Amino acid sequence: LIPVLAVLVTTGTITQSQSDSITVALSVAKITTVSVLAALVTKGTITQSQSSSITAAVSAAKIAADAAKDAAKIAKDVAKDVAKALKRAAKALANNGNHAAREALIALTLGINVKALHERSKAGESLATMAGVKKEVLIAALVLDQTKRIDAFVAAGKITVAQAIILKAGLVLRVTAEVNTVGDKKGGHHKGDKIDYKD
C-alpha cells in the first residue's frame, strides 16, 4: 500500500500528512484497508473521494501485480516448451539410418578405411587425434554434412526453420566437441545417432 500512497501524494490526490496518517492507522489496526479508510473518513482525516481514489489505486496495483505474476508463469511455460522443441530438433543432427555414410565421410576425410576408424576408436583415440593436422578439415566436412541434413529435415517438415537456425548457430561447437571426444569400446563417436522426436 505504501508505494500506492506515495504515487497518490505525487499526483496530489492526498497530502503527505494524510498518507502518514493512513500508514500509521494501518500499522496499528488489525482490520481491512477499507475499514481503516472508512474510519479516517469519519474522523475527517481524508475525504470520501480520497478514500475511493486510494481503494481504486490499491485494486489497480493488485491487478497489475497479479498480471505480472501470470505473465512470468506464462514466460516460464513458454521457455520450457521451447527447450523441449529444441531438444527434439537437436536430435535431427543424428544420422537416422545414415550412420555408415557418415562414418565413410569421416574415414575418407582422414584418409583411412572404416575398419581402421573403428579399431582406433576402440583403442580410445578421438577423431581429433586421428585427424592430426586435418582436424579443421574434418570439422568443416562434418559441419557441412550436418547442415545439409538439417536442411533436409526442414524440407521434410520434421523441424521448423527457426529450429534449424538455432541448430546451425551451435553446429560448429557441437561438431568440435564430438571430434574431441574419445572413442568408446564399440568404436563409435556418435552416441546420439538415433533420431527420436518424442519427449
N, C-alpha and C. Protein backbone atom coordinates (compact mmCIF):
# COMPACT_ATOMS: atom_id res chain seq x y z
N LEU A 1 0.82 -1.21 0.00
CA LEU A 1 0.00 0.00 0.00
C LEU A 1 0.86 1.27 0.00
N ILE A 2 2.00 1.23 0.69
CA ILE A 2 2.86 2.42 0.80
C ILE A 2 3.26 2.98 -0.56
N PRO A 3 3.68 2.12 -1.52
CA PRO A 3 4.02 2.66 -2.85
C PRO A 3 2.83 3.35 -3.51
N VAL A 4 1.63 2.80 -3.30
CA VAL A 4 0.42 3.39 -3.87
C VAL A 4 0.17 4.76 -3.26
N LEU A 5 0.33 4.87 -1.94
CA LEU A 5 0.14 6.16 -1.26
C LEU A 5 1.15 7.19 -1.76
N ALA A 6 2.38 6.73 -2.01
CA ALA A 6 3.43 7.63 -2.49
C ALA A 6 3.05 8.23 -3.85
N VAL A 7 2.47 7.38 -4.69
CA VAL A 7 2.03 7.85 -6.02
C VAL A 7 0.90 8.86 -5.88
N LEU A 8 -0.04 8.56 -4.98
CA LEU A 8 -1.17 9.46 -4.77
C LEU A 8 -0.73 10.81 -4.20
N VAL A 9 0.33 10.79 -3.38
CA VAL A 9 0.87 12.05 -2.85
C VAL A 9 1.49 12.85 -4.00
N THR A 10 2.23 12.13 -4.86
CA THR A 10 2.89 12.78 -6.01
C THR A 10 1.87 13.41 -6.95
N THR A 11 0.74 12.71 -7.14
CA THR A 11 -0.29 13.22 -8.06
C THR A 11 -1.18 14.27 -7.41
N GLY A 12 -1.01 14.47 -6.10
CA GLY A 12 -1.79 15.49 -5.40
C GLY A 12 -3.16 15.01 -4.95
N THR A 13 -3.41 13.71 -5.04
CA THR A 13 -4.70 13.16 -4.62
C THR A 13 -4.86 13.26 -3.11
N ILE A 14 -3.76 13.00 -2.40
CA ILE A 14 -3.73 13.14 -0.95
C ILE A 14 -2.44 13.88 -0.58
N THR A 15 -2.41 14.40 0.67
CA THR A 15 -1.21 15.08 1.13
C THR A 15 -0.27 14.08 1.80
N GLN A 16 0.98 14.49 2.03
CA GLN A 16 1.93 13.61 2.72
C GLN A 16 1.45 13.32 4.13
N SER A 17 0.85 14.34 4.76
CA SER A 17 0.33 14.17 6.11
C SER A 17 -0.78 13.12 6.15
N GLN A 18 -1.66 13.16 5.14
CA GLN A 18 -2.73 12.18 5.08
C GLN A 18 -2.17 10.78 4.82
N SER A 19 -1.15 10.71 3.96
CA SER A 19 -0.50 9.42 3.69
C SER A 19 0.09 8.84 4.96
N ASP A 20 0.75 9.70 5.75
CA ASP A 20 1.35 9.25 7.02
C ASP A 20 0.28 8.75 7.98
N SER A 21 -0.84 9.45 8.02
CA SER A 21 -1.94 9.06 8.92
C SER A 21 -2.50 7.70 8.53
N ILE A 22 -2.65 7.47 7.23
CA ILE A 22 -3.17 6.19 6.75
C ILE A 22 -2.19 5.07 7.09
N THR A 23 -0.90 5.33 6.89
CA THR A 23 0.13 4.32 7.16
C THR A 23 0.13 3.95 8.64
N VAL A 24 0.04 4.96 9.51
CA VAL A 24 0.02 4.70 10.95
C VAL A 24 -1.22 3.92 11.34
N ALA A 25 -2.35 4.32 10.79
CA ALA A 25 -3.62 3.66 11.11
C ALA A 25 -3.58 2.19 10.69
N LEU A 26 -3.01 1.93 9.55
CA LEU A 26 -2.92 0.55 9.06
C LEU A 26 -1.96 -0.29 9.90
N SER A 27 -0.92 0.34 10.42
CA SER A 27 0.08 -0.40 11.19
C SER A 27 -0.43 -0.81 12.57
N VAL A 28 -1.36 -0.06 13.10
CA VAL A 28 -1.87 -0.38 14.45
C VAL A 28 -3.20 -1.12 14.40
N ALA A 29 -3.89 -1.06 13.26
CA ALA A 29 -5.20 -1.70 13.17
C ALA A 29 -5.09 -3.10 12.59
N LYS A 30 -5.86 -4.01 13.10
CA LYS A 30 -5.90 -5.38 12.59
C LYS A 30 -7.20 -5.60 11.81
N ILE A 31 -7.51 -4.62 10.96
CA ILE A 31 -8.71 -4.70 10.14
C ILE A 31 -8.33 -4.41 8.69
N THR A 32 -9.29 -4.51 7.80
CA THR A 32 -9.01 -4.34 6.38
C THR A 32 -8.70 -2.89 6.04
N THR A 33 -8.06 -2.70 4.90
CA THR A 33 -7.73 -1.35 4.43
C THR A 33 -8.99 -0.51 4.27
N VAL A 34 -10.04 -1.12 3.73
CA VAL A 34 -11.31 -0.41 3.51
C VAL A 34 -11.86 0.12 4.83
N SER A 35 -11.78 -0.71 5.87
CA SER A 35 -12.29 -0.30 7.19
C SER A 35 -11.47 0.85 7.76
N VAL A 36 -10.15 0.79 7.57
CA VAL A 36 -9.27 1.85 8.06
C VAL A 36 -9.60 3.16 7.35
N LEU A 37 -9.78 3.09 6.03
CA LEU A 37 -10.10 4.29 5.26
C LEU A 37 -11.44 4.86 5.68
N ALA A 38 -12.41 3.98 5.93
CA ALA A 38 -13.73 4.43 6.36
C ALA A 38 -13.63 5.18 7.69
N ALA A 39 -12.81 4.66 8.59
CA ALA A 39 -12.63 5.29 9.89
C ALA A 39 -11.97 6.66 9.74
N LEU A 40 -11.01 6.76 8.82
CA LEU A 40 -10.32 8.04 8.59
C LEU A 40 -11.24 9.07 7.95
N VAL A 41 -12.18 8.58 7.12
CA VAL A 41 -13.18 9.48 6.53
C VAL A 41 -14.08 10.03 7.63
N THR A 42 -14.48 9.14 8.53
CA THR A 42 -15.35 9.53 9.65
C THR A 42 -14.67 10.58 10.53
N LYS A 43 -13.36 10.40 10.74
CA LYS A 43 -12.60 11.35 11.57
C LYS A 43 -12.29 12.65 10.82
N GLY A 44 -12.48 12.62 9.51
CA GLY A 44 -12.20 13.83 8.73
C GLY A 44 -10.75 13.94 8.29
N THR A 45 -9.99 12.86 8.49
CA THR A 45 -8.58 12.88 8.08
C THR A 45 -8.46 12.91 6.56
N ILE A 46 -9.33 12.16 5.91
CA ILE A 46 -9.41 12.17 4.45
C ILE A 46 -10.87 12.28 4.04
N THR A 47 -11.08 12.64 2.78
CA THR A 47 -12.46 12.74 2.29
C THR A 47 -12.89 11.41 1.70
N GLN A 48 -14.19 11.27 1.45
CA GLN A 48 -14.71 10.05 0.84
C GLN A 48 -14.13 9.87 -0.56
N SER A 49 -13.97 11.00 -1.26
CA SER A 49 -13.41 10.96 -2.60
C SER A 49 -11.97 10.43 -2.58
N GLN A 50 -11.21 10.90 -1.60
CA GLN A 50 -9.84 10.43 -1.45
C GLN A 50 -9.80 8.95 -1.09
N SER A 51 -10.71 8.54 -0.23
CA SER A 51 -10.79 7.13 0.15
C SER A 51 -11.06 6.25 -1.07
N SER A 52 -11.99 6.73 -1.91
CA SER A 52 -12.33 5.97 -3.13
C SER A 52 -11.13 5.89 -4.08
N SER A 53 -10.38 6.99 -4.17
CA SER A 53 -9.20 7.02 -5.03
C SER A 53 -8.15 6.04 -4.54
N ILE A 54 -7.97 6.00 -3.22
CA ILE A 54 -6.99 5.09 -2.64
C ILE A 54 -7.41 3.64 -2.88
N THR A 55 -8.68 3.36 -2.67
CA THR A 55 -9.19 1.99 -2.88
C THR A 55 -9.01 1.56 -4.32
N ALA A 56 -9.32 2.46 -5.25
CA ALA A 56 -9.18 2.16 -6.68
C ALA A 56 -7.72 1.93 -7.04
N ALA A 57 -6.83 2.76 -6.47
CA ALA A 57 -5.40 2.63 -6.75
C ALA A 57 -4.85 1.32 -6.22
N VAL A 58 -5.30 0.92 -5.03
CA VAL A 58 -4.86 -0.35 -4.43
C VAL A 58 -5.34 -1.52 -5.29
N SER A 59 -6.58 -1.45 -5.74
CA SER A 59 -7.13 -2.51 -6.59
C SER A 59 -6.35 -2.62 -7.90
N ALA A 60 -6.04 -1.46 -8.48
CA ALA A 60 -5.29 -1.44 -9.74
C ALA A 60 -3.90 -2.03 -9.55
N ALA A 61 -3.28 -1.71 -8.42
CA ALA A 61 -1.94 -2.23 -8.13
C ALA A 61 -1.97 -3.75 -7.97
N LYS A 62 -3.03 -4.24 -7.33
CA LYS A 62 -3.15 -5.69 -7.14
C LYS A 62 -3.35 -6.39 -8.48
N ILE A 63 -4.19 -5.80 -9.33
CA ILE A 63 -4.44 -6.37 -10.66
C ILE A 63 -3.13 -6.41 -11.47
N ALA A 64 -2.36 -5.32 -11.37
CA ALA A 64 -1.09 -5.25 -12.10
C ALA A 64 -0.11 -6.31 -11.58
N ALA A 65 -0.09 -6.48 -10.25
CA ALA A 65 0.82 -7.46 -9.65
C ALA A 65 0.42 -8.88 -10.08
N ASP A 66 -0.89 -9.15 -10.07
CA ASP A 66 -1.37 -10.47 -10.48
C ASP A 66 -1.06 -10.73 -11.96
N ALA A 67 -1.21 -9.68 -12.78
CA ALA A 67 -0.93 -9.80 -14.21
C ALA A 67 0.55 -10.10 -14.45
N ALA A 68 1.40 -9.42 -13.68
CA ALA A 68 2.85 -9.65 -13.80
C ALA A 68 3.21 -11.07 -13.40
N LYS A 69 2.55 -11.57 -12.35
CA LYS A 69 2.79 -12.93 -11.89
C LYS A 69 2.36 -13.94 -12.95
N ASP A 70 1.19 -13.69 -13.55
CA ASP A 70 0.69 -14.58 -14.60
C ASP A 70 1.61 -14.55 -15.83
N ALA A 71 2.10 -13.35 -16.16
CA ALA A 71 2.99 -13.20 -17.32
C ALA A 71 4.29 -13.96 -17.09
N ALA A 72 4.78 -13.91 -15.85
CA ALA A 72 6.02 -14.61 -15.51
C ALA A 72 5.83 -16.13 -15.64
N LYS A 73 4.66 -16.60 -15.21
CA LYS A 73 4.37 -18.03 -15.30
C LYS A 73 4.27 -18.47 -16.76
N ILE A 74 3.58 -17.64 -17.56
CA ILE A 74 3.44 -17.95 -18.99
C ILE A 74 4.81 -17.98 -19.67
N ALA A 75 5.66 -17.00 -19.32
CA ALA A 75 7.00 -16.93 -19.91
C ALA A 75 7.81 -18.17 -19.54
N LYS A 76 7.65 -18.63 -18.30
CA LYS A 76 8.36 -19.82 -17.84
C LYS A 76 7.88 -21.06 -18.59
N ASP A 77 6.56 -21.15 -18.78
CA ASP A 77 5.99 -22.29 -19.51
C ASP A 77 6.44 -22.29 -20.97
N VAL A 78 6.46 -21.09 -21.57
CA VAL A 78 6.90 -20.97 -22.96
C VAL A 78 8.36 -21.39 -23.09
N ALA A 79 9.18 -20.97 -22.11
CA ALA A 79 10.60 -21.32 -22.13
C ALA A 79 10.79 -22.84 -22.08
N LYS A 80 9.95 -23.49 -21.27
CA LYS A 80 10.03 -24.96 -21.18
C LYS A 80 9.65 -25.61 -22.50
N ASP A 81 8.58 -25.08 -23.11
CA ASP A 81 8.13 -25.63 -24.39
C ASP A 81 9.19 -25.45 -25.47
N VAL A 82 9.83 -24.27 -25.47
CA VAL A 82 10.89 -24.01 -26.45
C VAL A 82 12.06 -24.96 -26.23
N ALA A 83 12.41 -25.17 -24.96
CA ALA A 83 13.52 -26.06 -24.64
C ALA A 83 13.24 -27.47 -25.12
N LYS A 84 11.99 -27.93 -24.93
CA LYS A 84 11.61 -29.27 -25.39
C LYS A 84 11.68 -29.36 -26.91
N ALA A 85 11.18 -28.30 -27.56
CA ALA A 85 11.18 -28.30 -29.02
C ALA A 85 12.60 -28.33 -29.57
N LEU A 86 13.48 -27.56 -28.95
CA LEU A 86 14.87 -27.53 -29.41
C LEU A 86 15.59 -28.84 -29.11
N LYS A 87 15.20 -29.48 -28.02
CA LYS A 87 15.80 -30.77 -27.70
C LYS A 87 15.44 -31.80 -28.76
N ARG A 88 14.16 -31.77 -29.18
CA ARG A 88 13.74 -32.69 -30.24
C ARG A 88 14.44 -32.34 -31.54
N ALA A 89 14.54 -31.04 -31.80
CA ALA A 89 15.15 -30.60 -33.05
C ALA A 89 16.64 -30.96 -33.10
N ALA A 90 17.30 -30.89 -31.94
CA ALA A 90 18.73 -31.20 -31.90
C ALA A 90 19.00 -32.64 -32.31
N LYS A 91 18.01 -33.51 -32.06
CA LYS A 91 18.18 -34.91 -32.42
C LYS A 91 18.16 -35.11 -33.93
N ALA A 92 17.75 -34.06 -34.62
CA ALA A 92 17.76 -34.13 -36.08
C ALA A 92 19.18 -34.12 -36.63
N LEU A 93 20.14 -33.81 -35.77
CA LEU A 93 21.53 -33.83 -36.19
C LEU A 93 22.08 -35.25 -36.28
N ALA A 94 21.33 -36.20 -35.74
CA ALA A 94 21.77 -37.60 -35.78
C ALA A 94 21.61 -38.16 -37.19
N ASN A 95 22.16 -39.33 -37.40
CA ASN A 95 22.24 -39.86 -38.76
C ASN A 95 20.96 -40.48 -39.31
N ASN A 96 20.08 -40.99 -38.41
CA ASN A 96 18.79 -41.54 -38.85
C ASN A 96 18.96 -42.53 -40.01
N GLY A 97 19.81 -43.53 -39.80
CA GLY A 97 19.99 -44.57 -40.81
C GLY A 97 21.16 -44.30 -41.73
N ASN A 98 21.82 -43.13 -41.62
CA ASN A 98 22.95 -42.79 -42.46
C ASN A 98 24.27 -42.90 -41.71
N HIS A 99 24.28 -43.69 -40.66
CA HIS A 99 25.49 -43.85 -39.84
C HIS A 99 26.67 -44.31 -40.69
N ALA A 100 26.44 -45.30 -41.51
CA ALA A 100 27.52 -45.84 -42.35
C ALA A 100 28.05 -44.77 -43.30
N ALA A 101 27.14 -43.98 -43.86
CA ALA A 101 27.55 -42.93 -44.80
C ALA A 101 28.40 -41.88 -44.08
N ARG A 102 28.02 -41.56 -42.85
CA ARG A 102 28.78 -40.55 -42.10
C ARG A 102 30.15 -41.08 -41.70
N GLU A 103 30.20 -42.35 -41.31
CA GLU A 103 31.49 -42.95 -40.99
C GLU A 103 32.39 -42.98 -42.21
N ALA A 104 31.78 -43.25 -43.35
CA ALA A 104 32.54 -43.28 -44.61
C ALA A 104 33.12 -41.89 -44.90
N LEU A 105 32.33 -40.84 -44.61
CA LEU A 105 32.79 -39.47 -44.81
C LEU A 105 33.98 -39.17 -43.90
N ILE A 106 33.87 -39.60 -42.64
CA ILE A 106 34.96 -39.37 -41.69
C ILE A 106 36.22 -40.10 -42.14
N ALA A 107 36.06 -41.38 -42.49
CA ALA A 107 37.21 -42.18 -42.92
C ALA A 107 37.86 -41.59 -44.15
N LEU A 108 37.05 -41.15 -45.10
CA LEU A 108 37.57 -40.57 -46.34
C LEU A 108 38.36 -39.30 -46.05
N THR A 109 37.80 -38.47 -45.15
CA THR A 109 38.47 -37.21 -44.80
C THR A 109 39.79 -37.47 -44.09
N LEU A 110 39.82 -38.52 -43.26
CA LEU A 110 41.03 -38.85 -42.51
C LEU A 110 42.05 -39.61 -43.36
N GLY A 111 41.58 -40.17 -44.47
CA GLY A 111 42.47 -40.93 -45.33
C GLY A 111 42.72 -42.34 -44.81
N ILE A 112 41.73 -42.88 -44.10
CA ILE A 112 41.82 -44.26 -43.60
C ILE A 112 40.53 -44.98 -43.98
N ASN A 113 40.48 -46.30 -43.74
CA ASN A 113 39.24 -47.03 -44.03
C ASN A 113 38.39 -47.12 -42.77
N VAL A 114 37.12 -47.51 -42.93
CA VAL A 114 36.18 -47.55 -41.82
C VAL A 114 36.63 -48.54 -40.75
N LYS A 115 37.21 -49.66 -41.17
CA LYS A 115 37.69 -50.67 -40.21
C LYS A 115 38.75 -50.05 -39.29
N ALA A 116 39.67 -49.30 -39.89
CA ALA A 116 40.72 -48.64 -39.09
C ALA A 116 40.11 -47.60 -38.16
N LEU A 117 39.07 -46.91 -38.65
CA LEU A 117 38.36 -45.92 -37.83
C LEU A 117 37.79 -46.57 -36.59
N HIS A 118 37.15 -47.74 -36.76
CA HIS A 118 36.57 -48.47 -35.63
C HIS A 118 37.65 -48.93 -34.66
N GLU A 119 38.71 -49.49 -35.20
CA GLU A 119 39.77 -50.04 -34.35
C GLU A 119 40.45 -48.95 -33.52
N ARG A 120 40.70 -47.82 -34.15
CA ARG A 120 41.37 -46.73 -33.43
C ARG A 120 40.43 -46.09 -32.42
N SER A 121 39.13 -46.09 -32.73
CA SER A 121 38.14 -45.58 -31.77
C SER A 121 38.08 -46.47 -30.55
N LYS A 122 38.08 -47.79 -30.79
CA LYS A 122 38.05 -48.76 -29.69
C LYS A 122 39.28 -48.62 -28.81
N ALA A 123 40.39 -48.21 -29.43
CA ALA A 123 41.63 -48.04 -28.69
C ALA A 123 41.64 -46.76 -27.86
N GLY A 124 40.57 -45.96 -28.01
CA GLY A 124 40.44 -44.74 -27.20
C GLY A 124 40.88 -43.47 -27.88
N GLU A 125 41.11 -43.53 -29.19
CA GLU A 125 41.52 -42.32 -29.90
C GLU A 125 40.30 -41.46 -30.24
N SER A 126 40.49 -40.16 -30.15
CA SER A 126 39.44 -39.25 -30.58
C SER A 126 39.61 -38.99 -32.07
N LEU A 127 38.59 -38.46 -32.71
CA LEU A 127 38.69 -38.12 -34.13
C LEU A 127 39.76 -37.04 -34.33
N ALA A 128 39.89 -36.17 -33.34
CA ALA A 128 40.89 -35.11 -33.43
C ALA A 128 42.29 -35.70 -33.47
N THR A 129 42.51 -36.72 -32.64
CA THR A 129 43.83 -37.37 -32.62
C THR A 129 44.11 -38.05 -33.95
N MET A 130 43.09 -38.73 -34.47
CA MET A 130 43.26 -39.41 -35.76
C MET A 130 43.49 -38.41 -36.89
N ALA A 131 42.80 -37.29 -36.82
CA ALA A 131 42.88 -36.30 -37.89
C ALA A 131 44.21 -35.56 -37.91
N GLY A 132 44.75 -35.29 -36.73
CA GLY A 132 46.01 -34.55 -36.67
C GLY A 132 45.85 -33.17 -37.29
N VAL A 133 46.66 -32.86 -38.29
CA VAL A 133 46.61 -31.55 -38.95
C VAL A 133 45.34 -31.37 -39.78
N LYS A 134 44.61 -32.48 -39.99
CA LYS A 134 43.37 -32.42 -40.77
C LYS A 134 42.14 -32.17 -39.89
N LYS A 135 42.37 -31.86 -38.64
CA LYS A 135 41.25 -31.69 -37.70
C LYS A 135 40.25 -30.65 -38.20
N GLU A 136 40.73 -29.47 -38.59
CA GLU A 136 39.83 -28.42 -39.04
C GLU A 136 39.10 -28.80 -40.32
N VAL A 137 39.79 -29.56 -41.18
CA VAL A 137 39.16 -30.03 -42.42
C VAL A 137 38.03 -31.00 -42.08
N LEU A 138 38.27 -31.89 -41.09
CA LEU A 138 37.25 -32.84 -40.66
C LEU A 138 36.06 -32.12 -40.07
N ILE A 139 36.31 -31.15 -39.23
CA ILE A 139 35.22 -30.38 -38.61
C ILE A 139 34.38 -29.71 -39.69
N ALA A 140 35.04 -29.11 -40.67
CA ALA A 140 34.33 -28.42 -41.75
C ALA A 140 33.48 -29.39 -42.55
N ALA A 141 34.02 -30.59 -42.79
CA ALA A 141 33.28 -31.61 -43.56
C ALA A 141 32.04 -32.07 -42.80
N LEU A 142 32.19 -32.28 -41.49
CA LEU A 142 31.06 -32.74 -40.68
C LEU A 142 30.02 -31.64 -40.51
N VAL A 143 30.45 -30.41 -40.38
CA VAL A 143 29.51 -29.28 -40.28
C VAL A 143 28.70 -29.17 -41.57
N LEU A 144 29.37 -29.29 -42.69
CA LEU A 144 28.68 -29.23 -43.98
C LEU A 144 27.68 -30.38 -44.10
N ASP A 145 28.10 -31.57 -43.69
CA ASP A 145 27.24 -32.76 -43.76
C ASP A 145 25.99 -32.57 -42.90
N GLN A 146 26.19 -32.08 -41.68
CA GLN A 146 25.05 -31.91 -40.77
C GLN A 146 24.17 -30.73 -41.20
N THR A 147 24.78 -29.72 -41.80
CA THR A 147 23.99 -28.60 -42.32
C THR A 147 23.03 -29.08 -43.41
N LYS A 148 23.53 -29.94 -44.27
CA LYS A 148 22.68 -30.49 -45.33
C LYS A 148 21.56 -31.34 -44.75
N ARG A 149 21.86 -32.08 -43.69
CA ARG A 149 20.82 -32.92 -43.08
C ARG A 149 19.79 -32.07 -42.35
N ILE A 150 20.23 -30.97 -41.74
CA ILE A 150 19.28 -30.05 -41.11
C ILE A 150 18.32 -29.50 -42.16
N ASP A 151 18.88 -29.07 -43.28
CA ASP A 151 18.05 -28.54 -44.37
C ASP A 151 17.07 -29.59 -44.87
N ALA A 152 17.53 -30.85 -44.90
CA ALA A 152 16.67 -31.94 -45.36
C ALA A 152 15.51 -32.15 -44.39
N PHE A 153 15.79 -32.01 -43.09
CA PHE A 153 14.73 -32.17 -42.09
C PHE A 153 13.71 -31.04 -42.18
N VAL A 154 14.20 -29.85 -42.47
CA VAL A 154 13.27 -28.71 -42.66
C VAL A 154 12.37 -28.98 -43.85
N ALA A 155 12.97 -29.43 -44.94
CA ALA A 155 12.22 -29.73 -46.16
C ALA A 155 11.18 -30.82 -45.93
N ALA A 156 11.53 -31.77 -45.03
CA ALA A 156 10.62 -32.89 -44.74
C ALA A 156 9.58 -32.51 -43.69
N GLY A 157 9.69 -31.31 -43.14
CA GLY A 157 8.72 -30.86 -42.15
C GLY A 157 8.95 -31.43 -40.76
N LYS A 158 10.14 -31.99 -40.50
CA LYS A 158 10.41 -32.59 -39.20
C LYS A 158 10.85 -31.56 -38.17
N ILE A 159 11.43 -30.45 -38.63
CA ILE A 159 11.77 -29.34 -37.74
C ILE A 159 11.40 -28.04 -38.46
N THR A 160 11.29 -26.97 -37.69
CA THR A 160 10.92 -25.68 -38.28
C THR A 160 12.18 -24.92 -38.74
N VAL A 161 11.96 -23.89 -39.52
CA VAL A 161 13.07 -23.05 -39.98
C VAL A 161 13.76 -22.40 -38.78
N ALA A 162 12.96 -21.95 -37.81
CA ALA A 162 13.51 -21.31 -36.61
C ALA A 162 14.41 -22.27 -35.85
N GLN A 163 13.96 -23.51 -35.71
CA GLN A 163 14.77 -24.52 -35.03
C GLN A 163 16.05 -24.79 -35.80
N ALA A 164 15.95 -24.82 -37.11
CA ALA A 164 17.13 -25.06 -37.95
C ALA A 164 18.17 -23.96 -37.77
N ILE A 165 17.71 -22.72 -37.67
CA ILE A 165 18.62 -21.58 -37.49
C ILE A 165 19.39 -21.72 -36.18
N ILE A 166 18.67 -22.10 -35.12
CA ILE A 166 19.31 -22.26 -33.81
C ILE A 166 20.31 -23.42 -33.84
N LEU A 167 19.92 -24.53 -34.47
CA LEU A 167 20.80 -25.69 -34.56
C LEU A 167 22.08 -25.36 -35.32
N LYS A 168 21.92 -24.64 -36.40
CA LYS A 168 23.10 -24.29 -37.22
C LYS A 168 24.02 -23.32 -36.46
N ALA A 169 23.42 -22.48 -35.63
CA ALA A 169 24.22 -21.50 -34.88
C ALA A 169 25.20 -22.19 -33.93
N GLY A 170 24.80 -23.33 -33.38
CA GLY A 170 25.68 -24.03 -32.44
C GLY A 170 26.36 -25.25 -33.04
N LEU A 171 26.27 -25.38 -34.34
CA LEU A 171 26.76 -26.58 -35.03
C LEU A 171 28.26 -26.77 -34.90
N VAL A 172 29.03 -25.72 -35.11
CA VAL A 172 30.49 -25.85 -35.05
C VAL A 172 30.94 -26.30 -33.66
N LEU A 173 30.33 -25.75 -32.63
CA LEU A 173 30.70 -26.13 -31.26
C LEU A 173 30.39 -27.59 -30.98
N ARG A 174 29.21 -28.05 -31.43
CA ARG A 174 28.83 -29.45 -31.20
C ARG A 174 29.72 -30.40 -31.96
N VAL A 175 30.00 -30.08 -33.21
CA VAL A 175 30.86 -30.95 -34.02
C VAL A 175 32.27 -30.98 -33.44
N THR A 176 32.77 -29.83 -33.03
CA THR A 176 34.11 -29.78 -32.43
C THR A 176 34.18 -30.63 -31.18
N ALA A 177 33.13 -30.58 -30.36
CA ALA A 177 33.08 -31.40 -29.15
C ALA A 177 33.08 -32.87 -29.51
N GLU A 178 32.33 -33.25 -30.55
CA GLU A 178 32.28 -34.64 -31.00
C GLU A 178 33.66 -35.10 -31.48
N VAL A 179 34.31 -34.25 -32.24
CA VAL A 179 35.63 -34.59 -32.79
C VAL A 179 36.65 -34.76 -31.66
N ASN A 180 36.50 -33.99 -30.60
CA ASN A 180 37.46 -34.06 -29.48
C ASN A 180 37.14 -35.17 -28.49
N THR A 181 35.97 -35.80 -28.64
CA THR A 181 35.55 -36.85 -27.71
C THR A 181 36.32 -38.14 -27.97
N VAL A 182 36.76 -38.77 -26.89
CA VAL A 182 37.49 -40.04 -27.00
C VAL A 182 36.53 -41.13 -27.44
N GLY A 183 36.96 -42.01 -28.34
CA GLY A 183 36.13 -43.10 -28.84
C GLY A 183 35.77 -44.09 -27.75
N ASP A 184 34.68 -44.83 -27.94
CA ASP A 184 34.27 -45.83 -26.96
C ASP A 184 34.71 -47.22 -27.39
N LYS A 185 34.45 -48.19 -26.54
CA LYS A 185 34.90 -49.57 -26.81
C LYS A 185 34.19 -50.20 -28.00
N LYS A 186 33.05 -49.59 -28.40
CA LYS A 186 32.32 -50.11 -29.55
C LYS A 186 32.83 -49.49 -30.84
N GLY A 187 33.79 -48.59 -30.69
CA GLY A 187 34.37 -47.98 -31.88
C GLY A 187 33.57 -46.84 -32.43
N GLY A 188 32.82 -46.16 -31.59
CA GLY A 188 31.97 -45.08 -32.08
C GLY A 188 32.21 -43.75 -31.40
N HIS A 189 31.89 -42.68 -32.09
CA HIS A 189 31.95 -41.32 -31.55
C HIS A 189 30.59 -40.65 -31.68
N HIS A 190 29.55 -41.42 -31.97
CA HIS A 190 28.26 -40.82 -32.32
C HIS A 190 27.15 -41.41 -31.45
N LYS A 191 27.17 -41.10 -30.17
CA LYS A 191 26.21 -41.69 -29.24
C LYS A 191 24.80 -41.18 -29.45
N GLY A 192 24.62 -40.12 -30.19
CA GLY A 192 23.28 -39.57 -30.37
C GLY A 192 22.74 -39.81 -31.75
N ASP A 193 23.14 -40.91 -32.39
CA ASP A 193 22.78 -41.12 -33.78
C ASP A 193 21.29 -41.32 -34.04
N LYS A 194 20.59 -41.98 -33.17
CA LYS A 194 19.19 -42.30 -33.43
C LYS A 194 18.30 -41.08 -33.20
N ILE A 195 17.45 -40.78 -34.15
CA ILE A 195 16.55 -39.65 -34.03
C ILE A 195 15.26 -40.07 -33.35
N ASP A 196 14.81 -39.27 -32.39
CA ASP A 196 13.57 -39.55 -31.69
C ASP A 196 12.87 -38.21 -31.47
N TYR A 197 11.70 -38.05 -32.08
CA TYR A 197 11.02 -36.77 -31.98
C TYR A 197 10.03 -36.72 -30.82
N LYS A 198 10.04 -37.72 -30.00
CA LYS A 198 9.14 -37.72 -28.84
C LYS A 198 9.91 -37.20 -27.63
N ASP A 199 9.16 -36.65 -26.66
CA ASP A 199 9.80 -36.14 -25.43
C ASP A 199 10.31 -37.30 -24.61
